[in-house]
Full PDB file with SEQRES, HELIX, SHEET, SSBOND, CRYST1, ORIGX, SCALE, CONECT and MASTER records, all heavy atoms in Angstrom:
SEQRES   1 A   30  ALA PHE GLU PRO VAL GLY LEU PRO GLU GLN ALA VAL PRO          
SEQRES   2 A   30  TYR VAL LEU ASP GLU LEU GLN ASN GLY ARG ASP ALA TYR          
SEQRES   3 A   30  LEU VAL ALA ALA                                              
HELIX    1 AA1 PHE A    2  VAL A    5  1                                   4    
HELIX    2 AA2 GLU A    9  ALA A   11  5                                   3    
HELIX    3 AA3 VAL A   12  ASN A   21  1                                  10    
HELIX    4 AA4 ALA A   25  ALA A   29  1                                   5    
CRYST1    1.000    1.000    1.000  90.00  90.00  90.00 P 1           1          
ORIGX1      1.000000  0.000000  0.000000        0.00000                         
ORIGX2      0.000000  1.000000  0.000000        0.00000                         
ORIGX3      0.000000  0.000000  1.000000        0.00000                         
SCALE1      1.000000  0.000000  0.000000        0.00000                         
SCALE2      0.000000  1.000000  0.000000        0.00000                         
SCALE3      0.000000  0.000000  1.000000        0.00000                         
ATOM      1  N   ALA A   1     -23.867   0.640 -42.470  1.00  0.00           N  
ATOM      2  CA  ALA A   1     -22.615   1.401 -42.551  1.00  0.00           C  
ATOM      3  C   ALA A   1     -21.873   1.437 -41.221  1.00  0.00           C  
ATOM      4  O   ALA A   1     -20.664   1.709 -41.190  1.00  0.00           O  
ATOM      5  CB  ALA A   1     -22.906   2.822 -43.027  1.00  0.00           C  
ATOM      6  N   PHE A   2     -22.561   1.154 -40.122  1.00  0.00           N  
ATOM      7  CA  PHE A   2     -21.885   1.180 -38.825  1.00  0.00           C  
ATOM      8  C   PHE A   2     -20.925   0.010 -38.650  1.00  0.00           C  
ATOM      9  O   PHE A   2     -20.078   0.053 -37.758  1.00  0.00           O  
ATOM     10  CB  PHE A   2     -22.912   1.190 -37.693  1.00  0.00           C  
ATOM     11  CG  PHE A   2     -23.646   2.498 -37.555  1.00  0.00           C  
ATOM     12  CD1 PHE A   2     -25.019   2.568 -37.739  1.00  0.00           C  
ATOM     13  CD2 PHE A   2     -22.960   3.662 -37.250  1.00  0.00           C  
ATOM     14  CE1 PHE A   2     -25.697   3.768 -37.616  1.00  0.00           C  
ATOM     15  CE2 PHE A   2     -23.625   4.871 -37.118  1.00  0.00           C  
ATOM     16  CZ  PHE A   2     -25.002   4.922 -37.309  1.00  0.00           C  
ATOM     17  N   GLU A   3     -21.049  -1.035 -39.458  1.00  0.00           N  
ATOM     18  CA  GLU A   3     -20.081  -2.132 -39.334  1.00  0.00           C  
ATOM     19  C   GLU A   3     -18.674  -1.654 -39.677  1.00  0.00           C  
ATOM     20  O   GLU A   3     -17.747  -1.848 -38.879  1.00  0.00           O  
ATOM     21  CB  GLU A   3     -20.474  -3.321 -40.207  1.00  0.00           C  
ATOM     22  CG  GLU A   3     -19.461  -4.465 -40.087  1.00  0.00           C  
ATOM     23  CD  GLU A   3     -19.746  -5.630 -41.025  1.00  0.00           C  
ATOM     24  OE1 GLU A   3     -20.542  -5.455 -41.968  1.00  0.00           O  
ATOM     25  OE2 GLU A   3     -19.155  -6.706 -40.816  1.00  0.00           O  
ATOM     26  N   PRO A   4     -18.441  -1.019 -40.838  1.00  0.00           N  
ATOM     27  CA  PRO A   4     -17.078  -0.590 -41.143  1.00  0.00           C  
ATOM     28  C   PRO A   4     -16.619   0.660 -40.391  1.00  0.00           C  
ATOM     29  O   PRO A   4     -15.415   0.814 -40.134  1.00  0.00           O  
ATOM     30  CB  PRO A   4     -17.119  -0.329 -42.656  1.00  0.00           C  
ATOM     31  CG  PRO A   4     -18.539  -0.011 -42.954  1.00  0.00           C  
ATOM     32  CD  PRO A   4     -19.335  -0.879 -42.013  1.00  0.00           C  
ATOM     33  N   VAL A   5     -17.537   1.566 -40.033  1.00  0.00           N  
ATOM     34  CA  VAL A   5     -17.099   2.819 -39.420  1.00  0.00           C  
ATOM     35  C   VAL A   5     -17.104   2.776 -37.904  1.00  0.00           C  
ATOM     36  O   VAL A   5     -16.561   3.663 -37.247  1.00  0.00           O  
ATOM     37  CB  VAL A   5     -17.959   4.015 -39.902  1.00  0.00           C  
ATOM     38  CG1 VAL A   5     -17.948   4.107 -41.406  1.00  0.00           C  
ATOM     39  CG2 VAL A   5     -19.381   3.941 -39.368  1.00  0.00           C  
ATOM     40  N   GLY A   6     -17.724   1.750 -37.314  1.00  0.00           N  
ATOM     41  CA  GLY A   6     -17.838   1.664 -35.865  1.00  0.00           C  
ATOM     42  C   GLY A   6     -19.199   2.135 -35.405  1.00  0.00           C  
ATOM     43  O   GLY A   6     -19.807   3.017 -36.023  1.00  0.00           O  
ATOM     44  N   LEU A   7     -19.695   1.535 -34.326  1.00  0.00           N  
ATOM     45  CA  LEU A   7     -21.046   1.815 -33.839  1.00  0.00           C  
ATOM     46  C   LEU A   7     -20.994   2.730 -32.620  1.00  0.00           C  
ATOM     47  O   LEU A   7     -20.595   2.306 -31.536  1.00  0.00           O  
ATOM     48  CB  LEU A   7     -21.752   0.511 -33.476  1.00  0.00           C  
ATOM     49  CG  LEU A   7     -23.219   0.628 -33.058  1.00  0.00           C  
ATOM     50  CD1 LEU A   7     -24.078   1.089 -34.226  1.00  0.00           C  
ATOM     51  CD2 LEU A   7     -23.728  -0.712 -32.518  1.00  0.00           C  
ATOM     52  N   PRO A   8     -21.429   3.991 -32.769  1.00  0.00           N  
ATOM     53  CA  PRO A   8     -21.465   4.892 -31.608  1.00  0.00           C  
ATOM     54  C   PRO A   8     -22.527   4.440 -30.606  1.00  0.00           C  
ATOM     55  O   PRO A   8     -23.523   3.822 -30.987  1.00  0.00           O  
ATOM     56  CB  PRO A   8     -21.855   6.251 -32.224  1.00  0.00           C  
ATOM     57  CG  PRO A   8     -21.680   6.103 -33.695  1.00  0.00           C  
ATOM     58  CD  PRO A   8     -21.883   4.647 -33.996  1.00  0.00           C  
ATOM     59  N   GLU A   9     -22.326   4.769 -29.351  1.00  0.00           N  
ATOM     60  CA  GLU A   9     -23.282   4.359 -28.325  1.00  0.00           C  
ATOM     61  C   GLU A   9     -24.681   4.900 -28.600  1.00  0.00           C  
ATOM     62  O   GLU A   9     -25.679   4.242 -28.300  1.00  0.00           O  
ATOM     63  CB  GLU A   9     -22.815   4.823 -26.941  1.00  0.00           C  
ATOM     64  CG  GLU A   9     -21.634   4.036 -26.404  1.00  0.00           C  
ATOM     65  CD  GLU A   9     -21.327   4.362 -24.958  1.00  0.00           C  
ATOM     66  OE1 GLU A   9     -21.969   5.287 -24.404  1.00  0.00           O  
ATOM     67  OE2 GLU A   9     -20.468   3.695 -24.378  1.00  0.00           O  
ATOM     68  N   GLN A  10     -24.762   6.106 -29.204  1.00  0.00           N  
ATOM     69  CA  GLN A  10     -26.079   6.696 -29.457  1.00  0.00           C  
ATOM     70  C   GLN A  10     -26.895   5.879 -30.447  1.00  0.00           C  
ATOM     71  O   GLN A  10     -28.123   5.974 -30.482  1.00  0.00           O  
ATOM     72  CB  GLN A  10     -25.931   8.127 -29.995  1.00  0.00           C  
ATOM     73  CG  GLN A  10     -25.100   9.045 -29.110  1.00  0.00           C  
ATOM     74  CD  GLN A  10     -23.666   9.111 -29.579  1.00  0.00           C  
ATOM     75  OE1 GLN A  10     -23.016   8.082 -29.773  1.00  0.00           O  
ATOM     76  NE2 GLN A  10     -23.166  10.320 -29.780  1.00  0.00           N  
ATOM     77  N   ALA A  11     -26.224   5.063 -31.268  1.00  0.00           N  
ATOM     78  CA  ALA A  11     -26.926   4.264 -32.278  1.00  0.00           C  
ATOM     79  C   ALA A  11     -27.324   2.890 -31.762  1.00  0.00           C  
ATOM     80  O   ALA A  11     -28.142   2.212 -32.390  1.00  0.00           O  
ATOM     81  CB  ALA A  11     -26.051   4.108 -33.523  1.00  0.00           C  
ATOM     82  N   VAL A  12     -26.770   2.476 -30.630  1.00  0.00           N  
ATOM     83  CA  VAL A  12     -27.027   1.129 -30.118  1.00  0.00           C  
ATOM     84  C   VAL A  12     -28.513   0.851 -29.891  1.00  0.00           C  
ATOM     85  O   VAL A  12     -29.005  -0.220 -30.277  1.00  0.00           O  
ATOM     86  CB  VAL A  12     -26.213   0.868 -28.831  1.00  0.00           C  
ATOM     87  CG1 VAL A  12     -26.635  -0.443 -28.176  1.00  0.00           C  
ATOM     88  CG2 VAL A  12     -24.719   0.837 -29.151  1.00  0.00           C  
ATOM     89  N   PRO A  13     -29.292   1.772 -29.295  1.00  0.00           N  
ATOM     90  CA  PRO A  13     -30.719   1.464 -29.094  1.00  0.00           C  
ATOM     91  C   PRO A  13     -31.468   1.186 -30.386  1.00  0.00           C  
ATOM     92  O   PRO A  13     -32.361   0.333 -30.411  1.00  0.00           O  
ATOM     93  CB  PRO A  13     -31.255   2.732 -28.409  1.00  0.00           C  
ATOM     94  CG  PRO A  13     -30.061   3.338 -27.753  1.00  0.00           C  
ATOM     95  CD  PRO A  13     -28.921   3.059 -28.670  1.00  0.00           C  
ATOM     96  N   TYR A  14     -31.119   1.869 -31.465  1.00  0.00           N  
ATOM     97  CA  TYR A  14     -31.784   1.644 -32.752  1.00  0.00           C  
ATOM     98  C   TYR A  14     -31.451   0.245 -33.289  1.00  0.00           C  
ATOM     99  O   TYR A  14     -32.312  -0.432 -33.854  1.00  0.00           O  
ATOM    100  CB  TYR A  14     -31.353   2.703 -33.763  1.00  0.00           C  
ATOM    101  CG  TYR A  14     -31.778   4.106 -33.385  1.00  0.00           C  
ATOM    102  CD1 TYR A  14     -30.894   4.968 -32.729  1.00  0.00           C  
ATOM    103  CD2 TYR A  14     -33.051   4.565 -33.670  1.00  0.00           C  
ATOM    104  CE1 TYR A  14     -31.278   6.249 -32.372  1.00  0.00           C  
ATOM    105  CE2 TYR A  14     -33.448   5.848 -33.321  1.00  0.00           C  
ATOM    106  CZ  TYR A  14     -32.554   6.686 -32.667  1.00  0.00           C  
ATOM    107  OH  TYR A  14     -32.943   7.958 -32.321  1.00  0.00           O  
ATOM    108  N   VAL A  15     -30.205  -0.156 -33.117  1.00  0.00           N  
ATOM    109  CA  VAL A  15     -29.770  -1.472 -33.585  1.00  0.00           C  
ATOM    110  C   VAL A  15     -30.462  -2.578 -32.794  1.00  0.00           C  
ATOM    111  O   VAL A  15     -30.998  -3.536 -33.368  1.00  0.00           O  
ATOM    112  CB  VAL A  15     -28.234  -1.592 -33.470  1.00  0.00           C  
ATOM    113  CG1 VAL A  15     -27.782  -3.025 -33.764  1.00  0.00           C  
ATOM    114  CG2 VAL A  15     -27.545  -0.615 -34.420  1.00  0.00           C  
ATOM    115  N   LEU A  16     -30.471  -2.441 -31.472  1.00  0.00           N  
ATOM    116  CA  LEU A  16     -31.094  -3.461 -30.630  1.00  0.00           C  
ATOM    117  C   LEU A  16     -32.599  -3.528 -30.859  1.00  0.00           C  
ATOM    118  O   LEU A  16     -33.183  -4.618 -30.857  1.00  0.00           O  
ATOM    119  CB  LEU A  16     -30.797  -3.178 -29.152  1.00  0.00           C  
ATOM    120  CG  LEU A  16     -29.327  -3.196 -28.728  1.00  0.00           C  
ATOM    121  CD1 LEU A  16     -29.209  -2.992 -27.222  1.00  0.00           C  
ATOM    122  CD2 LEU A  16     -28.640  -4.492 -29.151  1.00  0.00           C  
ATOM    123  N   ASP A  17     -33.212  -2.382 -31.072  1.00  0.00           N  
ATOM    124  CA  ASP A  17     -34.649  -2.357 -31.328  1.00  0.00           C  
ATOM    125  C   ASP A  17     -34.986  -3.106 -32.616  1.00  0.00           C  
ATOM    126  O   ASP A  17     -35.971  -3.846 -32.678  1.00  0.00           O  
ATOM    127  CB  ASP A  17     -35.141  -0.913 -31.408  1.00  0.00           C  
ATOM    128  CG  ASP A  17     -36.638  -0.820 -31.631  1.00  0.00           C  
ATOM    129  OD1 ASP A  17     -37.392  -1.192 -30.716  1.00  0.00           O  
ATOM    130  OD2 ASP A  17     -37.058  -0.385 -32.717  1.00  0.00           O  
ATOM    131  N   GLU A  18     -34.152  -2.942 -33.637  1.00  0.00           N  
ATOM    132  CA  GLU A  18     -34.396  -3.630 -34.908  1.00  0.00           C  
ATOM    133  C   GLU A  18     -34.200  -5.130 -34.759  1.00  0.00           C  
ATOM    134  O   GLU A  18     -34.953  -5.929 -35.325  1.00  0.00           O  
ATOM    135  CB  GLU A  18     -33.473  -3.072 -35.991  1.00  0.00           C  
ATOM    136  CG  GLU A  18     -33.938  -3.329 -37.404  1.00  0.00           C  
ATOM    137  CD  GLU A  18     -35.319  -2.745 -37.672  1.00  0.00           C  
ATOM    138  OE1 GLU A  18     -35.519  -1.537 -37.500  1.00  0.00           O  
ATOM    139  OE2 GLU A  18     -36.230  -3.538 -38.045  1.00  0.00           O  
ATOM    140  N   LEU A  19     -33.180  -5.538 -33.993  1.00  0.00           N  
ATOM    141  CA  LEU A  19     -32.962  -6.967 -33.763  1.00  0.00           C  
ATOM    142  C   LEU A  19     -34.124  -7.580 -32.987  1.00  0.00           C  
ATOM    143  O   LEU A  19     -34.554  -8.696 -33.265  1.00  0.00           O  
ATOM    144  CB  LEU A  19     -31.655  -7.188 -32.994  1.00  0.00           C  
ATOM    145  CG  LEU A  19     -30.356  -6.904 -33.746  1.00  0.00           C  
ATOM    146  CD1 LEU A  19     -29.168  -7.030 -32.803  1.00  0.00           C  
ATOM    147  CD2 LEU A  19     -30.189  -7.831 -34.946  1.00  0.00           C  
ATOM    148  N   GLN A  20     -34.641  -6.852 -32.030  1.00  0.00           N  
ATOM    149  CA  GLN A  20     -35.684  -7.389 -31.161  1.00  0.00           C  
ATOM    150  C   GLN A  20     -37.060  -7.373 -31.819  1.00  0.00           C  
ATOM    151  O   GLN A  20     -37.869  -8.271 -31.582  1.00  0.00           O  
ATOM    152  CB  GLN A  20     -35.733  -6.589 -29.862  1.00  0.00           C  
ATOM    153  CG  GLN A  20     -36.705  -7.155 -28.839  1.00  0.00           C  
ATOM    154  CD  GLN A  20     -36.530  -6.516 -27.475  1.00  0.00           C  
ATOM    155  OE1 GLN A  20     -35.752  -5.593 -27.301  1.00  0.00           O  
ATOM    156  NE2 GLN A  20     -37.252  -7.006 -26.487  1.00  0.00           N  
ATOM    157  N   ASN A  21     -37.308  -6.380 -32.658  1.00  0.00           N  
ATOM    158  CA  ASN A  21     -38.665  -6.196 -33.173  1.00  0.00           C  
ATOM    159  C   ASN A  21     -38.786  -6.230 -34.688  1.00  0.00           C  
ATOM    160  O   ASN A  21     -39.907  -6.247 -35.207  1.00  0.00           O  
ATOM    161  CB  ASN A  21     -39.226  -4.847 -32.675  1.00  0.00           C  
ATOM    162  CG  ASN A  21     -39.256  -4.755 -31.161  1.00  0.00           C  
ATOM    163  OD1 ASN A  21     -39.832  -5.600 -30.502  1.00  0.00           O  
ATOM    164  ND2 ASN A  21     -38.619  -3.731 -30.611  1.00  0.00           N  
ATOM    165  N   GLY A  22     -37.674  -6.227 -35.405  1.00  0.00           N  
ATOM    166  CA  GLY A  22     -37.716  -6.126 -36.856  1.00  0.00           C  
ATOM    167  C   GLY A  22     -38.306  -7.354 -37.529  1.00  0.00           C  
ATOM    168  O   GLY A  22     -38.106  -8.486 -37.095  1.00  0.00           O  
ATOM    169  N   ARG A  23     -39.013  -7.112 -38.615  1.00  0.00           N  
ATOM    170  CA  ARG A  23     -39.599  -8.196 -39.409  1.00  0.00           C  
ATOM    171  C   ARG A  23     -39.211  -8.085 -40.888  1.00  0.00           C  
ATOM    172  O   ARG A  23     -39.699  -8.860 -41.699  1.00  0.00           O  
ATOM    173  CB  ARG A  23     -41.135  -8.180 -39.295  1.00  0.00           C  
ATOM    174  CG  ARG A  23     -41.691  -8.449 -37.900  1.00  0.00           C  
ATOM    175  CD  ARG A  23     -41.356  -9.854 -37.406  1.00  0.00           C  
ATOM    176  NE  ARG A  23     -42.090 -10.211 -36.198  1.00  0.00           N  
ATOM    177  CZ  ARG A  23     -41.736  -9.847 -34.976  1.00  0.00           C  
ATOM    178  NH1 ARG A  23     -40.656  -9.080 -34.802  1.00  0.00           N  
ATOM    179  NH2 ARG A  23     -42.442 -10.226 -33.922  1.00  0.00           N  
ATOM    180  N   ASP A  24     -38.371  -7.119 -41.214  1.00  0.00           N  
ATOM    181  CA  ASP A  24     -37.916  -6.959 -42.589  1.00  0.00           C  
ATOM    182  C   ASP A  24     -36.483  -7.467 -42.698  1.00  0.00           C  
ATOM    183  O   ASP A  24     -35.600  -7.046 -41.941  1.00  0.00           O  
ATOM    184  CB  ASP A  24     -37.982  -5.489 -43.014  1.00  0.00           C  
ATOM    185  CG  ASP A  24     -37.597  -5.299 -44.470  1.00  0.00           C  
ATOM    186  OD1 ASP A  24     -36.384  -5.187 -44.757  1.00  0.00           O  
ATOM    187  OD2 ASP A  24     -38.509  -5.280 -45.323  1.00  0.00           O  
ATOM    188  N   ALA A  25     -36.249  -8.389 -43.635  1.00  0.00           N  
ATOM    189  CA  ALA A  25     -34.934  -9.032 -43.744  1.00  0.00           C  
ATOM    190  C   ALA A  25     -33.811  -8.019 -43.960  1.00  0.00           C  
ATOM    191  O   ALA A  25     -32.721  -8.157 -43.397  1.00  0.00           O  
ATOM    192  CB  ALA A  25     -34.946 -10.060 -44.882  1.00  0.00           C  
ATOM    193  N   TYR A  26     -34.065  -6.998 -44.760  1.00  0.00           N  
ATOM    194  CA  TYR A  26     -33.018  -6.014 -45.071  1.00  0.00           C  
ATOM    195  C   TYR A  26     -32.620  -5.239 -43.820  1.00  0.00           C  
ATOM    196  O   TYR A  26     -31.423  -5.068 -43.531  1.00  0.00           O  
ATOM    197  CB  TYR A  26     -33.525  -5.060 -46.152  1.00  0.00           C  
ATOM    198  CG  TYR A  26     -32.470  -4.161 -46.748  1.00  0.00           C  
ATOM    199  CD1 TYR A  26     -31.551  -4.641 -47.687  1.00  0.00           C  
ATOM    200  CD2 TYR A  26     -32.391  -2.813 -46.398  1.00  0.00           C  
ATOM    201  CE1 TYR A  26     -30.589  -3.818 -48.243  1.00  0.00           C  
ATOM    202  CE2 TYR A  26     -31.435  -1.981 -46.952  1.00  0.00           C  
ATOM    203  CZ  TYR A  26     -30.533  -2.481 -47.877  1.00  0.00           C  
ATOM    204  OH  TYR A  26     -29.575  -1.648 -48.429  1.00  0.00           O  
ATOM    205  N   LEU A  27     -33.601  -4.784 -43.048  1.00  0.00           N  
ATOM    206  CA  LEU A  27     -33.306  -4.025 -41.841  1.00  0.00           C  
ATOM    207  C   LEU A  27     -32.665  -4.895 -40.762  1.00  0.00           C  
ATOM    208  O   LEU A  27     -31.741  -4.465 -40.072  1.00  0.00           O  
ATOM    209  CB  LEU A  27     -34.587  -3.382 -41.298  1.00  0.00           C  
ATOM    210  CG  LEU A  27     -35.010  -2.061 -41.937  1.00  0.00           C  
ATOM    211  CD1 LEU A  27     -36.380  -1.636 -41.423  1.00  0.00           C  
ATOM    212  CD2 LEU A  27     -33.982  -0.973 -41.674  1.00  0.00           C  
ATOM    213  N   VAL A  28     -33.150  -6.121 -40.615  1.00  0.00           N  
ATOM    214  CA  VAL A  28     -32.576  -7.015 -39.598  1.00  0.00           C  
ATOM    215  C   VAL A  28     -31.137  -7.378 -39.968  1.00  0.00           C  
ATOM    216  O   VAL A  28     -30.247  -7.398 -39.109  1.00  0.00           O  
ATOM    217  CB  VAL A  28     -33.444  -8.279 -39.437  1.00  0.00           C  
ATOM    218  CG1 VAL A  28     -32.757  -9.293 -38.533  1.00  0.00           C  
ATOM    219  CG2 VAL A  28     -34.814  -7.913 -38.869  1.00  0.00           C  
ATOM    220  N   ALA A  29     -30.889  -7.652 -41.239  1.00  0.00           N  
ATOM    221  CA  ALA A  29     -29.517  -7.934 -41.679  1.00  0.00           C  
ATOM    222  C   ALA A  29     -28.615  -6.731 -41.416  1.00  0.00           C  
ATOM    223  O   ALA A  29     -27.471  -6.877 -40.969  1.00  0.00           O  
ATOM    224  CB  ALA A  29     -29.509  -8.289 -43.164  1.00  0.00           C  
ATOM    225  N   ALA A  30     -29.132  -5.534 -41.684  1.00  0.00           N  
ATOM    226  CA  ALA A  30     -28.348  -4.317 -41.455  1.00  0.00           C  
ATOM    227  C   ALA A  30     -28.008  -4.157 -39.978  1.00  0.00           C  
ATOM    228  O   ALA A  30     -26.880  -3.792 -39.617  1.00  0.00           O  
ATOM    229  CB  ALA A  30     -29.131  -3.108 -41.953  1.00  0.00           C  
TER     230      ALA A  30                                                      
MASTER        0    0    0    4    0    0    0    6  229    1    0    3          
END                                                                             
């Protein structure tokens, strides 16, 4: 949902953590 509404700085660590460590296609795509 952060794609259409914009990504607040507080959410950036969660996004980067998922990109770096995620192994689930749904979460990584998100």
